[in-house]
C-alpha atoms as a PDB file:
ATOM      1  CA  MET A   1      29.607  89.443 146.796  1.00  0.00           C
ATOM      2  CA  VAL A   2      30.694  89.047 150.334  1.00  0.00           C
ATOM      3  CA  TYR A   3      34.275  90.123 149.532  1.00  0.00           C
ATOM      4  CA  ILE A   4      33.306  93.583 148.048  1.00  0.00           C
ATOM      5  CA  TYR A   5      31.369  94.079 151.484  1.00  0.00           C
ATOM      6  CA  ALA A   6      34.422  93.138 153.320  1.00  0.00           C
ATOM      7  CA  ILE A   7      36.627  95.212 151.183  1.00  0.00           C
ATOM      8  CA  LEU A   8      34.412  98.100 151.647  1.00  0.00           C
ATOM      9  CA  ALA A   9      33.960  97.650 155.500  1.00  0.00           C
ATOM     10  CA  PHE A  10      38.127  97.602 155.652  1.00  0.00           C
ATOM     11  CA  ALA A  11      38.072 100.662 153.570  1.00  0.00           C
ATOM     12  CA  LEU A  12      35.488 102.487 155.693  1.00  0.00           C
ATOM     13  CA  VAL A  13      37.471 101.591 158.804  1.00  0.00           C
ATOM     14  CA  ALA A  14      40.836 102.669 156.990  1.00  0.00           C
ATOM     15  CA  ALA A  15      39.262 105.737 156.180  1.00  0.00           C
ATOM     16  CA  ILE A  16      37.671 106.603 159.758  1.00  0.00           C
ATOM     17  CA  LEU A  17      41.258 105.988 161.283  1.00  0.00           C
ATOM     18  CA  ALA A  18      42.749 108.094 158.726  1.00  0.00           C
ATOM     19  CA  ALA A  19      40.618 111.076 159.429  1.00  0.00           C
ATOM     20  CA  ILE A  20      40.924 110.735 163.284  1.00  0.00           C
ATOM     21  CA  TYR A  21      44.590 109.929 163.949  1.00  0.00           C
ATOM     22  CA  LYS A  22      45.738 113.270 163.975  1.00  0.00           C
ATOM     23  CA  PRO A  23      43.264 114.758 166.185  1.00  0.00           C
ATOM     24  CA  LEU A  24      43.122 111.954 168.551  1.00  0.00           C
ATOM     25  CA  GLY A  25      46.948 111.926 168.591  1.00  0.00           C
ATOM     26  CA  ASP A  26      47.178 115.315 169.719  1.00  0.00           C
ATOM     27  CA  TYR A  27      44.387 115.095 172.405  1.00  0.00           C
ATOM     28  CA  MET A  28      46.150 111.917 173.952  1.00  0.00           C
ATOM     29  CA  TYR A  29      49.424 113.947 173.870  1.00  0.00           C
ATOM     30  CA  ASN A  30      48.127 116.826 175.778  1.00  0.00           C
ATOM     31  CA  VAL A  31      46.487 114.313 178.135  1.00  0.00           C
ATOM     32  CA  PHE A  32      49.452 112.564 179.202  1.00  0.00           C
ATOM     33  CA  THR A  33      51.940 115.497 179.269  1.00  0.00           C
ATOM     34  CA  SER A  34      49.737 117.794 180.778  1.00  0.00           C
ATOM     35  CA  ASP A  35      50.021 118.802 184.294  1.00  0.00           C
ATOM     36  CA  LYS A  36      46.363 120.233 184.030  1.00  0.00           C
ATOM     37  CA  ASP A  37      43.186 118.426 185.087  1.00  0.00           C
ATOM     38  CA  LEU A  38      40.148 118.703 183.283  1.00  0.00           C
ATOM     39  CA  PHE A  39      36.834 120.015 184.420  1.00  0.00           C
ATOM     40  CA  PHE A  40      35.123 116.710 184.745  1.00  0.00           C
ATOM     41  CA  GLU A  41      38.456 114.978 185.801  1.00  0.00           C
ATOM     42  CA  LYS A  42      38.590 117.208 188.697  1.00  0.00           C
ATOM     43  CA  TRP A  43      35.267 116.556 190.003  1.00  0.00           C
ATOM     44  CA  ILE A  44      35.764 112.703 189.651  1.00  0.00           C
ATOM     45  CA  TYR A  45      38.957 112.702 191.678  1.00  0.00           C
ATOM     46  CA  LYS A  46      37.177 114.811 194.366  1.00  0.00           C
ATOM     47  CA  ILE A  47      34.485 112.087 194.703  1.00  0.00           C
ATOM     48  CA  ILE A  48      36.854 109.253 194.844  1.00  0.00           C
ATOM     49  CA  GLY A  49      39.427 110.965 197.170  1.00  0.00           C
ATOM     50  CA  VAL A  50      42.544 111.020 194.617  1.00  0.00           C
ATOM     51  CA  ASP A  51      45.050 113.742 194.646  1.00  0.00           C
ATOM     52  CA  SER A  52      46.365 113.452 190.571  1.00  0.00           C
ATOM     53  CA  LYS A  53      49.600 115.154 191.479  1.00  0.00           C
ATOM     54  CA  LYS A  54      50.810 112.099 193.751  1.00  0.00           C
ATOM     55  CA  GLU A  55      52.074 108.783 192.961  1.00  0.00           C
ATOM     56  CA  GLN A  56      49.649 106.051 193.366  1.00  0.00           C
ATOM     57  CA  THR A  57      51.372 103.409 196.515  1.00  0.00           C
ATOM     58  CA  TRP A  58      51.051 100.178 195.984  1.00  0.00           C
ATOM     59  CA  LYS A  59      48.360  99.710 198.790  1.00  0.00           C
ATOM     60  CA  ALA A  60      46.115 102.301 196.738  1.00  0.00           C
ATOM     61  CA  TYR A  61      46.680 100.251 193.602  1.00  0.00           C
ATOM     62  CA  LEU A  62      45.611  97.114 195.423  1.00  0.00           C
ATOM     63  CA  ARG A  63      42.547  98.371 197.296  1.00  0.00           C
ATOM     64  CA  GLY A  64      41.742  99.842 193.752  1.00  0.00           C
ATOM     65  CA  ILE A  65      42.302  96.568 192.345  1.00  0.00           C
ATOM     66  CA  LEU A  66      40.085  94.367 194.927  1.00  0.00           C
ATOM     67  CA  ALA A  67      37.362  97.071 195.081  1.00  0.00           C
ATOM     68  CA  PHE A  68      36.845  96.838 191.359  1.00  0.00           C
ATOM     69  CA  SER A  69      37.025  93.122 191.246  1.00  0.00           C
ATOM     70  CA  LEU A  70      34.464  92.830 194.006  1.00  0.00           C
ATOM     71  CA  LEU A  71      32.219  94.972 192.279  1.00  0.00           C
ATOM     72  CA  SER A  72      32.481  93.259 188.846  1.00  0.00           C
ATOM     73  CA  VAL A  73      31.845  89.829 190.272  1.00  0.00           C
ATOM     74  CA  LEU A  74      28.881  91.307 192.295  1.00  0.00           C
ATOM     75  CA  VAL A  75      27.152  93.192 189.015  1.00  0.00           C
ATOM     76  CA  LEU A  76      27.831  90.012 186.776  1.00  0.00           C
ATOM     77  CA  TYR A  77      26.193  87.911 189.569  1.00  0.00           C
ATOM     78  CA  LEU A  78      23.240  90.225 189.735  1.00  0.00           C
ATOM     79  CA  LEU A  79      22.916  90.428 186.058  1.00  0.00           C
ATOM     80  CA  GLN A  80      22.697  86.416 185.483  1.00  0.00           C
ATOM     81  CA  ARG A  81      20.446  86.096 188.625  1.00  0.00           C
ATOM     82  CA  VAL A  82      17.811  88.702 187.132  1.00  0.00           C
ATOM     83  CA  GLN A  83      18.293  87.774 183.601  1.00  0.00           C
ATOM     84  CA  GLN A  84      14.796  86.370 182.707  1.00  0.00           C
ATOM     85  CA  TRP A  85      13.673  90.121 183.614  1.00  0.00           C
ATOM     86  CA  LEU A  86      16.151  91.668 181.727  1.00  0.00           C
ATOM     87  CA  PRO A  87      15.361  93.466 178.113  1.00  0.00           C
ATOM     88  CA  TYR A  88      15.922  90.978 175.023  1.00  0.00           C
ATOM     89  CA  SER A  89      16.357  88.253 177.462  1.00  0.00           C
ATOM     90  CA  LEU A  90      14.888  86.037 174.595  1.00  0.00           C
ATOM     91  CA  GLY A  91      12.725  83.985 177.508  1.00  0.00           C
ATOM     92  CA  MET A  92      15.759  82.679 179.029  1.00  0.00           C
ATOM     93  CA  LYS A  93      15.602  81.758 183.078  1.00  0.00           C
ATOM     94  CA  ASN A  94      17.418  82.962 185.393  1.00  0.00           C
ATOM     95  CA  VAL A  95      20.955  80.872 186.184  1.00  0.00           C
ATOM     96  CA  SER A  96      21.237  79.033 189.561  1.00  0.00           C
ATOM     97  CA  PRO A  97      23.473  80.946 192.079  1.00  0.00           C
ATOM     98  CA  ALA A  98      26.079  78.329 192.419  1.00  0.00           C
ATOM     99  CA  LEU A  99      26.439  78.841 188.586  1.00  0.00           C
ATOM    100  CA  ALA A 100      26.148  82.389 188.717  1.00  0.00           C
ATOM    101  CA  PHE A 101      28.731  82.796 191.158  1.00  0.00           C
ATOM    102  CA  ASN A 102      30.987  80.042 189.298  1.00  0.00           C
ATOM    103  CA  THR A 103      30.649  82.190 185.989  1.00  0.00           C
ATOM    104  CA  ALA A 104      31.175  85.454 187.407  1.00  0.00           C
ATOM    105  CA  ALA A 105      34.196  84.733 189.633  1.00  0.00           C
ATOM    106  CA  SER A 106      35.827  83.154 186.167  1.00  0.00           C
ATOM    107  CA  PHE A 107      35.025  86.166 184.253  1.00  0.00           C
ATOM    108  CA  VAL A 108      36.476  88.552 186.839  1.00  0.00           C
ATOM    109  CA  THR A 109      39.238  86.454 187.417  1.00  0.00           C
ATOM    110  CA  ASN A 110      39.972  85.286 183.815  1.00  0.00           C
ATOM    111  CA  THR A 111      40.239  81.624 184.719  1.00  0.00           C
ATOM    112  CA  ASN A 112      37.641  80.548 181.988  1.00  0.00           C
END
């Protein structure tokens, strides 16, 4: 019986992929080959100070990677420190500060 469910699940995923590959592929082609930005993209670029017509320098890339990594560590650390007050925490206590930092740094730097 389990095999039937697995085969049906596989068939469902295959059918969904077969149904969306053409429109999704056309959309991706337009995104990657068009010089135009979508409306919401223009606002995001304006907020973060990006010129979509220019190439990104290595210094800007480095700043972006470091900022994203720092933000990721802080968010993961905070989630572990307030774990007992989050919904669906299953009564688990907060993680100790040292373990929370170690876990967050390990996840962000992929040193697990």
